[in-house]
C-alpha atoms as a PDB file:
ATOM      1  CA  MET A   1      28.733   3.108  32.089  1.00  0.00           C
ATOM      2  CA  ALA A   2      28.038   0.313  29.635  1.00  0.00           C
ATOM      3  CA  ASN A   3      29.770  -3.016  30.217  1.00  0.00           C
ATOM      4  CA  THR A   4      29.764  -4.266  26.633  1.00  0.00           C
ATOM      5  CA  ARG A   5      30.157  -2.778  23.162  1.00  0.00           C
ATOM      6  CA  SER A   6      26.538  -3.551  22.326  1.00  0.00           C
ATOM      7  CA  ALA A   7      25.372  -1.840  25.507  1.00  0.00           C
ATOM      8  CA  ALA A   8      27.479   1.202  24.681  1.00  0.00           C
ATOM      9  CA  ARG A   9      25.958   1.329  21.205  1.00  0.00           C
ATOM     10  CA  ALA A  10      22.467   0.964  22.659  1.00  0.00           C
ATOM     11  CA  ALA A  11      23.177   3.866  25.008  1.00  0.00           C
ATOM     12  CA  ARG A  12      24.246   6.053  22.068  1.00  0.00           C
ATOM     13  CA  VAL A  13      21.151   5.103  20.075  1.00  0.00           C
ATOM     14  CA  ASN A  14      18.899   5.753  23.061  1.00  0.00           C
ATOM     15  CA  GLU A  15      20.409   9.210  23.529  1.00  0.00           C
ATOM     16  CA  ARG A  16      19.837  10.088  19.859  1.00  0.00           C
ATOM     17  CA  ARG A  17      16.258   8.878  20.054  1.00  0.00           C
ATOM     18  CA  ARG A  18      15.635  10.755  23.298  1.00  0.00           C
ATOM     19  CA  LEU A  19      16.800  14.016  21.743  1.00  0.00           C
ATOM     20  CA  ARG A  20      14.722  13.453  18.606  1.00  0.00           C
ATOM     21  CA  ASN A  21      11.625  12.529  20.618  1.00  0.00           C
ATOM     22  CA  ARG A  22      12.008  15.594  22.809  1.00  0.00           C
ATOM     23  CA  ALA A  23      12.310  17.889  19.791  1.00  0.00           C
ATOM     24  CA  VAL A  24       9.273  16.359  18.086  1.00  0.00           C
ATOM     25  CA  LYS A  25       7.115  16.531  21.217  1.00  0.00           C
ATOM     26  CA  THR A  26       8.126  20.147  21.798  1.00  0.00           C
ATOM     27  CA  ARG A  27       7.176  20.992  18.217  1.00  0.00           C
ATOM     28  CA  LEU A  28       3.798  19.287  18.659  1.00  0.00           C
ATOM     29  CA  ARG A  29       3.099  21.274  21.816  1.00  0.00           C
ATOM     30  CA  ARG A  30       4.048  24.517  20.060  1.00  0.00           C
ATOM     31  CA  LEU A  31       1.809  23.754  17.067  1.00  0.00           C
ATOM     32  CA  GLN A  32      -1.077  22.830  19.359  1.00  0.00           C
ATOM     33  CA  LYS A  33      -0.663  26.046  21.330  1.00  0.00           C
ATOM     34  CA  THR A  34      -0.643  28.066  18.101  1.00  0.00           C
ATOM     35  CA  TYR A  35      -3.796  26.309  16.933  1.00  0.00           C
ATOM     36  CA  LEU A  36      -5.613  26.899  20.227  1.00  0.00           C
ATOM     37  CA  SER A  37      -4.662  30.579  20.225  1.00  0.00           C
ATOM     38  CA  THR A  38      -6.110  31.020  16.728  1.00  0.00           C
ATOM     39  CA  ILE A  39      -9.305  29.306  17.895  1.00  0.00           C
ATOM     40  CA  ALA A  40      -9.484  31.649  20.886  1.00  0.00           C
ATOM     41  CA  ALA A  41      -8.998  34.640  18.598  1.00  0.00           C
ATOM     42  CA  GLY A  42     -11.842  33.379  16.395  1.00  0.00           C
ATOM     43  CA  ASN A  43      -9.753  33.436  13.223  1.00  0.00           C
ATOM     44  CA  ARG A  44     -11.194  30.526  11.255  1.00  0.00           C
ATOM     45  CA  GLN A  45      -8.848  30.745   8.272  1.00  0.00           C
ATOM     46  CA  ALA A  46      -5.713  30.759  10.437  1.00  0.00           C
ATOM     47  CA  ALA A  47      -7.168  28.011  12.616  1.00  0.00           C
ATOM     48  CA  GLU A  48      -7.668  25.746   9.603  1.00  0.00           C
ATOM     49  CA  GLU A  49      -4.080  26.319   8.481  1.00  0.00           C
ATOM     50  CA  ALA A  50      -2.765  25.702  11.989  1.00  0.00           C
ATOM     51  CA  PHE A  51      -4.863  22.538  12.243  1.00  0.00           C
ATOM     52  CA  ARG A  52      -3.455  21.194   8.975  1.00  0.00           C
ATOM     53  CA  ALA A  53       0.092  21.890  10.176  1.00  0.00           C
ATOM     54  CA  TYR A  54      -0.623  20.177  13.505  1.00  0.00           C
ATOM     55  CA  VAL A  55      -2.188  17.098  11.885  1.00  0.00           C
ATOM     56  CA  SER A  56       0.755  16.771   9.523  1.00  0.00           C
ATOM     57  CA  ALA A  57       3.239  16.962  12.386  1.00  0.00           C
ATOM     58  CA  VAL A  58       1.253  14.447  14.461  1.00  0.00           C
ATOM     59  CA  ASP A  59       1.125  11.985  11.572  1.00  0.00           C
ATOM     60  CA  LYS A  60       4.886  12.288  11.093  1.00  0.00           C
ATOM     61  CA  ALA A  61       5.416  11.735  14.823  1.00  0.00           C
ATOM     62  CA  VAL A  62       3.354   8.542  14.601  1.00  0.00           C
ATOM     63  CA  GLN A  63       5.343   7.347  11.598  1.00  0.00           C
ATOM     64  CA  SER A  64       8.624   7.823  13.418  1.00  0.00           C
ATOM     65  CA  GLY A  65       7.278   6.132  16.546  1.00  0.00           C
ATOM     66  CA  VAL A  66       7.427   9.149  18.827  1.00  0.00           C
ATOM     67  CA  ILE A  67       3.751   8.961  19.846  1.00  0.00           C
ATOM     68  CA  PRO A  68       1.270   6.079  19.653  1.00  0.00           C
ATOM     69  CA  LEU A  69      -1.318   5.976  16.874  1.00  0.00           C
ATOM     70  CA  ARG A  70      -4.321   6.082  19.184  1.00  0.00           C
ATOM     71  CA  ARG A  71      -3.002   9.078  21.103  1.00  0.00           C
ATOM     72  CA  ALA A  72      -2.574  10.899  17.803  1.00  0.00           C
ATOM     73  CA  ALA A  73      -6.090   9.992  16.691  1.00  0.00           C
ATOM     74  CA  ARG A  74      -7.521  11.189  19.997  1.00  0.00           C
ATOM     75  CA  ALA A  75      -5.676  14.513  19.789  1.00  0.00           C
ATOM     76  CA  LYS A  76      -6.715  15.113  16.179  1.00  0.00           C
ATOM     77  CA  SER A  77     -10.329  14.264  16.985  1.00  0.00           C
ATOM     78  CA  ARG A  78     -10.495  16.634  19.948  1.00  0.00           C
ATOM     79  CA  LEU A  79      -8.906  19.508  18.067  1.00  0.00           C
ATOM     80  CA  SER A  80     -11.054  19.010  14.969  1.00  0.00           C
ATOM     81  CA  ALA A  81     -14.128  19.201  17.213  1.00  0.00           C
ATOM     82  CA  ARG A  82     -12.985  22.628  18.366  1.00  0.00           C
ATOM     83  CA  LEU A  83     -12.600  23.736  14.772  1.00  0.00           C
ATOM     84  CA  LYS A  84     -16.140  22.592  14.014  1.00  0.00           C
ATOM     85  CA  THR A  85     -17.544  24.622  16.893  1.00  0.00           C
ATOM     86  CA  LEU A  86     -15.735  27.676  15.522  1.00  0.00           C
ATOM     87  CA  ALA A  87     -17.173  27.016  12.055  1.00  0.00           C
ATOM     88  CA  ARG A  88     -20.697  26.843  13.469  1.00  0.00           C
ATOM     89  CA  ALA A  89     -20.363  30.098  15.392  1.00  0.00           C
END
């Protein structure tokens, strides 16, 4: 239990942020899984759409401070490399 009013407010803010962060990270995992399943199926058109949706969500997560910029860049780079291998095949 918080000892001061400011600590109580900080606890409320932290709880709101925790719930938001959890929802955003769950959405990112779901979008990534969708993208990887379209890659596995070999559907290039659907994979490109899923990649665009994933990149958009990752960029929004960076803007809101849920994930670090470099982690987002690394994830986008790795997934775009998979899309390129599908395009070559």
